[in-house]
């Protein structure tokens, strides 16, 4: 209950895991599957990086799947002005 209250108080948002439903298994013939691992972000982060994705990695030796958060940014490129010297020779340039 306290953990959920902290999440609510901090206004955290759980990132949805896109490629699987479970992050843990007991690796038995009739496995127990559970979603134990999660990732949270706050609203400021979600606004700044709305394209953030959560996927899982390989688990060759562990009973847990690693979580991979991909933070997508959109950084605008600077526009450059290049002066061509030949423009200065044109009478109509100015």
Protein backbone atom coordinates (compact mmCIF):
# COMPACT_ATOMS: atom_id res chain seq x y z
CA UNK A 1 0.00 0.00 0.00
CA UNK A 2 2.84 2.43 0.86
CA UNK A 3 4.57 1.71 -2.43
CA UNK A 4 1.41 2.52 -4.38
CA UNK A 5 0.95 5.71 -2.34
CA UNK A 6 4.48 6.84 -3.25
CA UNK A 7 3.75 6.20 -6.94
CA UNK A 8 0.54 8.23 -6.68
CA UNK A 9 2.18 11.05 -4.69
CA UNK A 10 5.07 11.39 -7.15
CA UNK A 11 2.63 11.14 -10.08
CA UNK A 12 4.68 8.37 -11.69
CA UNK A 13 3.61 6.70 -14.91
CA UNK A 14 4.41 3.08 -15.63
CA UNK A 15 6.00 2.51 -19.02
CA UNK A 16 4.12 -0.27 -20.79
CA UNK A 17 6.26 -3.27 -21.69
CA UNK A 18 5.70 -3.73 -25.41
CA UNK A 19 7.03 -7.17 -26.28
CA UNK A 20 6.03 -9.56 -23.50
CA UNK A 21 3.51 -9.99 -20.73
CA UNK A 22 5.81 -11.52 -18.10
CA UNK A 23 9.32 -10.65 -16.87
CA UNK A 24 10.01 -13.62 -14.58
CA UNK A 25 9.69 -17.37 -14.80
CA UNK A 26 10.63 -20.19 -12.46
CA UNK A 27 11.88 -22.15 -15.54
CA UNK A 28 9.92 -25.30 -14.68
CA UNK A 29 8.19 -27.62 -17.16
CA UNK A 30 4.90 -26.08 -16.05
CA UNK A 31 6.23 -22.56 -15.47
CA UNK A 32 5.03 -19.86 -13.16
CA UNK A 33 5.04 -16.56 -15.03
CA UNK A 34 4.87 -13.14 -13.36
CA UNK A 35 5.39 -9.47 -14.16
CA UNK A 36 7.83 -8.50 -11.40
CA UNK A 37 9.99 -5.91 -13.16
CA UNK A 38 8.61 -2.51 -14.10
CA UNK A 39 9.84 0.95 -15.08
CA UNK A 40 8.32 4.27 -14.08
CA UNK A 41 8.77 7.85 -15.29
CA UNK A 42 7.40 11.13 -14.01
CA UNK A 43 5.13 13.46 -15.95
CA UNK A 44 7.94 15.94 -16.69
CA UNK A 45 10.01 13.19 -18.30
CA UNK A 46 6.98 11.89 -20.22
CA UNK A 47 6.34 15.38 -21.61
CA UNK A 48 9.97 15.94 -22.58
CA UNK A 49 10.41 12.48 -24.14
CA UNK A 50 6.98 11.28 -25.32
CA UNK A 51 8.46 8.60 -27.59
CA UNK A 52 10.03 6.59 -24.74
CA UNK A 53 9.58 2.84 -25.20
CA UNK A 54 10.15 -0.15 -22.88
CA UNK A 55 11.16 -3.52 -24.31
CA UNK A 56 12.84 -6.60 -22.90
CA UNK A 57 16.26 -8.10 -23.52
CA UNK A 58 17.53 -11.66 -23.58
CA UNK A 59 17.67 -13.78 -20.48
CA UNK A 60 20.01 -16.66 -21.27
CA UNK A 61 21.23 -17.17 -17.67
CA UNK A 62 18.67 -15.35 -15.53
CA UNK A 63 15.08 -16.01 -14.57
CA UNK A 64 14.39 -12.27 -15.07
CA UNK A 65 14.13 -10.42 -18.37
CA UNK A 66 16.20 -7.28 -18.57
CA UNK A 67 14.25 -4.13 -19.38
CA UNK A 68 15.49 -1.70 -22.02
CA UNK A 69 14.13 1.84 -22.04
CA UNK A 70 14.62 3.57 -25.38
CA UNK A 71 14.43 7.32 -24.98
CA UNK A 72 13.68 8.98 -28.28
CA UNK A 73 14.54 12.60 -28.69
CA UNK A 74 13.82 14.94 -31.50
CA UNK A 75 16.68 17.40 -31.73
CA UNK A 76 16.20 19.90 -34.48
CA UNK A 77 19.08 20.49 -36.84
CA UNK A 78 20.52 23.96 -37.15
CA UNK A 79 19.88 25.72 -40.41
CA UNK A 80 22.99 27.09 -42.02
CA UNK A 81 23.28 30.10 -44.25
CA UNK A 82 26.04 29.87 -46.81
CA UNK A 83 27.07 32.92 -48.76
CA UNK A 84 28.15 32.26 -52.30
CA UNK A 85 30.85 34.72 -53.34
CA UNK A 86 29.45 34.84 -56.86
CA UNK A 87 26.29 36.51 -55.46
CA UNK A 88 28.36 39.59 -54.64
CA UNK A 89 29.18 40.03 -58.31
CA UNK A 90 25.54 40.27 -59.33
CA UNK A 91 24.22 43.87 -59.66
CA UNK A 92 20.81 42.86 -58.29
CA UNK A 93 22.26 41.13 -55.21
CA UNK A 94 21.45 43.81 -52.62
